[in-house]
Amino acid sequence: MIISQDDIAKMEKRYRGKFINSVLGAKPALLVGSQDQTGNTNLAIMSSVFHLGASPALIGLIIRPSESARHTLNNILTTGHYTLNHVNRFDIAAAHQTSARYPAEQSEFAASGLSQTYLSDFLAPFVAESTIRLGLKLVEHQLLSINNTHLIIGEINLIELNEDILAEDGFIDIASNGTIAATGLDSYAVIEKVMRFSYAKTDSWPQEINMEK
């Protein structure tokens, strides 16, 4: 089966969205926590999150355009702080529910049954049920003219995780953590630990790394 650019353009809008969103495979499924200047909290599941660099520690987030208000985007731009929270397999339905379009004054924390918490005086709410949590500060915002999506670049200010999943070389074993991946707009999958390899070099074949800490 070969699908051309013209074929994609002719797809029904919702069908095309599901198709393109799932074609790349598994992506991070992260809950973005934020609040406005009056303290109203917001929680939204997103999968367009990616690593930008380690020094400084930068994470990119794409927020797509919409005719309705984007509470997460507005909160990040006005307060400059937000959180990224891993989703575990016991909270998938609650995490997915945060994608519903609630009014700004209604918190998705309460609507989904997930609990909000604050860490180290960081100015945005974290998900209490999450076992890997990141606090980020906004450092750059760009409106991408090609499709009017918003690129949010944040620097990691805080990370909380269980030290049992942290290897001696800095590798975080998210499979053992039970982290869930997104495989589309409405599909989720468990991450299975397979193998790690040594740094690839031109003069040798990579060696498998023991994944037991």
Protein backbone atom coordinates (compact mmCIF):
# COMPACT_ATOMS: atom_id res chain seq x y z
CA MET A 1 0.00 0.00 0.00
CA ILE A 2 1.49 3.33 -1.06
CA ILE A 3 -0.11 6.58 0.09
CA SER A 4 0.86 9.73 -1.79
CA GLN A 5 0.88 13.36 -0.72
CA ASP A 6 -2.30 13.85 -2.77
CA ASP A 7 -3.91 10.90 -1.00
CA ILE A 8 -3.11 12.46 2.37
CA ALA A 9 -4.52 15.82 1.29
CA LYS A 10 -7.82 14.18 0.24
CA MET A 11 -8.32 12.38 3.57
CA GLU A 12 -11.21 13.44 5.78
CA LYS A 13 -9.89 15.86 8.43
CA ARG A 14 -10.30 13.66 11.50
CA TYR A 15 -9.11 10.56 9.67
CA ARG A 16 -6.00 12.42 8.48
CA GLY A 17 -5.28 13.65 12.00
CA LYS A 18 -5.37 10.14 13.46
CA PHE A 19 -3.37 8.75 10.54
CA ILE A 20 -0.51 11.25 10.61
CA ASN A 21 -0.41 11.36 14.40
CA SER A 22 0.18 7.60 14.59
CA VAL A 23 2.48 7.05 11.57
CA LEU A 24 5.70 7.84 13.48
CA GLY A 25 5.00 5.23 16.14
CA ALA A 26 5.44 5.62 19.90
CA LYS A 27 5.93 9.09 21.37
CA PRO A 28 6.08 10.45 24.92
CA ALA A 29 2.69 10.73 26.61
CA LEU A 30 3.17 13.54 29.10
CA LEU A 31 0.80 15.56 31.23
CA VAL A 32 1.56 19.28 31.05
CA GLY A 33 0.69 21.06 34.27
CA SER A 34 0.27 24.84 34.45
CA GLN A 35 -1.68 27.58 36.17
CA ASP A 36 -2.78 31.09 35.37
CA GLN A 37 -1.89 34.23 37.29
CA THR A 38 -4.93 33.87 39.55
CA GLY A 39 -4.09 30.26 40.52
CA ASN A 40 -6.50 28.36 38.26
CA THR A 41 -4.72 25.11 37.39
CA ASN A 42 -4.68 23.29 34.06
CA LEU A 43 -3.60 19.82 32.99
CA ALA A 44 -3.34 18.57 29.40
CA ILE A 45 -1.95 15.39 27.87
CA MET A 46 0.46 16.01 25.00
CA SER A 47 2.77 13.89 22.87
CA SER A 48 4.62 16.50 20.80
CA VAL A 49 7.46 16.77 23.29
CA PHE A 50 11.12 16.31 22.36
CA HIS A 51 14.70 16.62 23.61
CA LEU A 52 16.56 19.71 22.39
CA GLY A 53 19.81 19.59 24.35
CA ALA A 54 21.47 18.54 27.59
CA SER A 55 23.65 21.56 28.33
CA PRO A 56 21.59 23.54 29.04
CA ALA A 57 18.84 20.96 29.59
CA LEU A 58 16.20 21.99 27.04
CA ILE A 59 12.89 20.38 26.11
CA GLY A 60 10.75 21.37 23.12
CA LEU A 61 6.96 21.28 23.12
CA ILE A 62 4.68 21.88 20.14
CA ILE A 63 1.18 23.23 20.82
CA ARG A 64 -1.06 23.15 17.79
CA PRO A 65 -3.38 26.02 16.79
CA SER A 66 -7.06 25.99 17.63
CA GLU A 67 -10.11 28.16 17.24
CA SER A 68 -10.76 27.69 20.94
CA ALA A 69 -8.61 29.10 23.75
CA ARG A 70 -5.35 27.29 24.48
CA HIS A 71 -5.23 27.42 28.29
CA THR A 72 -1.89 25.59 28.56
CA LEU A 73 -0.23 27.94 26.07
CA ASN A 74 -1.69 31.04 27.70
CA ASN A 75 -0.59 29.89 31.15
CA ILE A 76 2.96 29.13 30.02
CA LEU A 77 3.33 32.47 28.26
CA THR A 78 1.96 34.49 31.19
CA THR A 79 3.67 32.69 34.12
CA GLY A 80 6.76 31.26 32.41
CA HIS A 81 6.54 27.96 34.28
CA TYR A 82 5.05 24.52 33.60
CA THR A 83 5.54 20.86 34.43
CA LEU A 84 5.87 17.60 32.49
CA ASN A 85 4.57 14.48 34.22
CA HIS A 86 4.93 10.87 33.05
CA VAL A 87 1.74 8.81 32.74
CA ASN A 88 1.60 5.37 34.34
CA ARG A 89 -0.59 2.48 33.23
CA PHE A 90 -3.06 2.90 36.08
CA ASP A 91 -3.94 6.48 35.12
CA ILE A 92 -4.28 6.25 31.32
CA ALA A 93 -8.03 6.95 31.21
CA ALA A 94 -7.70 9.88 33.59
CA ALA A 95 -4.78 11.27 31.60
CA HIS A 96 -6.71 10.93 28.34
CA GLN A 97 -9.69 12.75 29.88
CA THR A 98 -7.56 15.89 30.25
CA SER A 99 -7.76 16.34 26.46
CA ALA A 100 -11.43 17.34 26.83
CA ARG A 101 -12.13 21.06 26.33
CA TYR A 102 -12.97 22.29 29.81
CA PRO A 103 -13.44 26.00 30.54
CA ALA A 104 -10.45 27.84 32.00
CA GLU A 105 -12.00 28.06 35.45
CA GLN A 106 -12.48 24.26 35.67
CA SER A 107 -9.31 22.38 36.51
CA GLU A 108 -8.56 19.18 34.59
CA PHE A 109 -6.99 17.88 37.78
CA ALA A 110 -10.40 17.79 39.44
CA ALA A 111 -12.22 16.70 36.28
CA SER A 112 -9.90 13.72 35.72
CA GLY A 113 -9.49 12.72 39.35
CA LEU A 114 -5.73 13.28 39.26
CA SER A 115 -4.18 15.09 42.21
CA GLN A 116 -2.13 18.28 42.00
CA THR A 117 0.90 18.92 44.16
CA TYR A 118 3.70 21.47 44.36
CA LEU A 119 7.42 20.75 44.76
CA SER A 120 10.20 22.99 46.10
CA ASP A 121 8.15 26.18 45.67
CA PHE A 122 8.05 25.64 41.88
CA LEU A 123 5.41 27.91 40.33
CA ALA A 124 3.34 25.27 38.50
CA PRO A 125 1.44 22.17 39.65
CA PHE A 126 2.75 18.62 39.33
CA VAL A 127 0.70 15.40 39.08
CA ALA A 128 0.91 13.63 42.43
CA GLU A 129 0.36 10.20 40.86
CA SER A 130 3.27 10.59 38.43
CA THR A 131 6.57 8.93 39.35
CA ILE A 132 8.75 11.06 37.02
CA ARG A 133 8.11 14.80 37.17
CA LEU A 134 9.90 17.73 35.57
CA GLY A 135 9.59 21.44 36.27
CA LEU A 136 10.45 23.74 33.36
CA LYS A 137 10.93 27.45 32.87
CA LEU A 138 10.04 29.02 29.53
CA VAL A 139 13.13 30.31 27.69
CA GLU A 140 11.82 30.76 24.14
CA HIS A 141 8.54 30.85 22.23
CA GLN A 142 8.17 30.81 18.46
CA LEU A 143 5.09 30.88 16.26
CA LEU A 144 5.83 28.59 13.30
CA SER A 145 4.45 30.24 10.18
CA ILE A 146 4.23 26.99 8.20
CA ASN A 147 1.16 25.81 10.16
CA ASN A 148 0.66 28.32 13.01
CA THR A 149 1.78 25.90 15.69
CA HIS A 150 3.60 27.19 18.76
CA LEU A 151 7.08 26.00 19.68
CA ILE A 152 7.69 26.22 23.41
CA ILE A 153 11.27 25.73 24.60
CA GLY A 154 11.74 25.16 28.30
CA GLU A 155 14.80 24.68 30.46
CA ILE A 156 14.55 21.97 33.11
CA ASN A 157 14.72 23.49 36.59
CA LEU A 158 13.68 20.46 38.61
CA ILE A 159 13.37 16.68 38.21
CA GLU A 160 11.87 14.22 40.67
CA LEU A 161 12.19 10.45 40.14
CA ASN A 162 12.79 7.23 42.02
CA GLU A 163 16.52 6.58 42.29
CA ASP A 164 15.90 2.86 41.70
CA ILE A 165 15.35 3.53 37.97
CA LEU A 166 18.50 5.64 37.60
CA ALA A 167 21.55 3.72 36.34
CA GLU A 168 25.11 4.58 37.33
CA ASP A 169 25.82 6.06 33.88
CA GLY A 170 22.82 8.44 34.00
CA PHE A 171 20.36 6.28 32.02
CA ILE A 172 16.76 6.45 33.28
CA ASP A 173 14.91 3.14 32.88
CA ILE A 174 11.43 4.40 32.04
CA ALA A 175 10.28 0.87 31.14
CA SER A 176 10.81 -0.29 34.72
CA ASN A 177 9.08 2.88 35.85
CA GLY A 178 5.90 1.82 34.03
CA THR A 179 5.82 4.91 31.82
CA ILE A 180 3.20 4.84 29.05
CA ALA A 181 3.80 5.94 25.44
CA ALA A 182 1.30 7.50 23.03
CA THR A 183 0.83 5.72 19.69
CA GLY A 184 -1.77 8.09 18.26
CA LEU A 185 -4.37 10.63 19.32
CA ASP A 186 -6.29 8.05 21.37
CA SER A 187 -3.98 5.03 21.67
CA TYR A 188 -1.44 4.17 24.37
CA ALA A 189 1.13 1.43 24.85
CA VAL A 190 3.31 -0.02 27.57
CA ILE A 191 7.05 0.47 27.04
CA GLU A 192 8.96 -2.80 27.08
CA LYS A 193 12.62 -2.94 28.02
CA VAL A 194 14.62 -4.67 25.24
CA MET A 195 18.32 -3.76 25.26
CA ARG A 196 20.94 -1.03 25.45
CA PHE A 197 24.16 -0.76 23.47
CA SER A 198 27.54 0.85 23.94
CA TYR A 199 28.45 4.02 22.03
CA ALA A 200 28.69 3.23 18.30
CA LYS A 201 32.17 3.55 16.75
CA THR A 202 33.39 2.97 13.20
CA ASP A 203 36.07 0.47 14.25
CA SER A 204 33.97 -1.82 16.46
CA TRP A 205 30.54 -3.39 16.77
CA PRO A 206 28.38 -2.10 19.64
CA GLN A 207 28.31 -4.22 22.78
CA GLU A 208 25.13 -4.87 24.71
CA ILE A 209 24.92 -3.11 28.08
CA ASN A 210 23.60 -4.93 31.12
CA MET A 211 20.35 -3.13 31.93
CA GLU A 212 20.32 -4.30 35.53
CA LYS A 213 21.54 -1.54 37.84
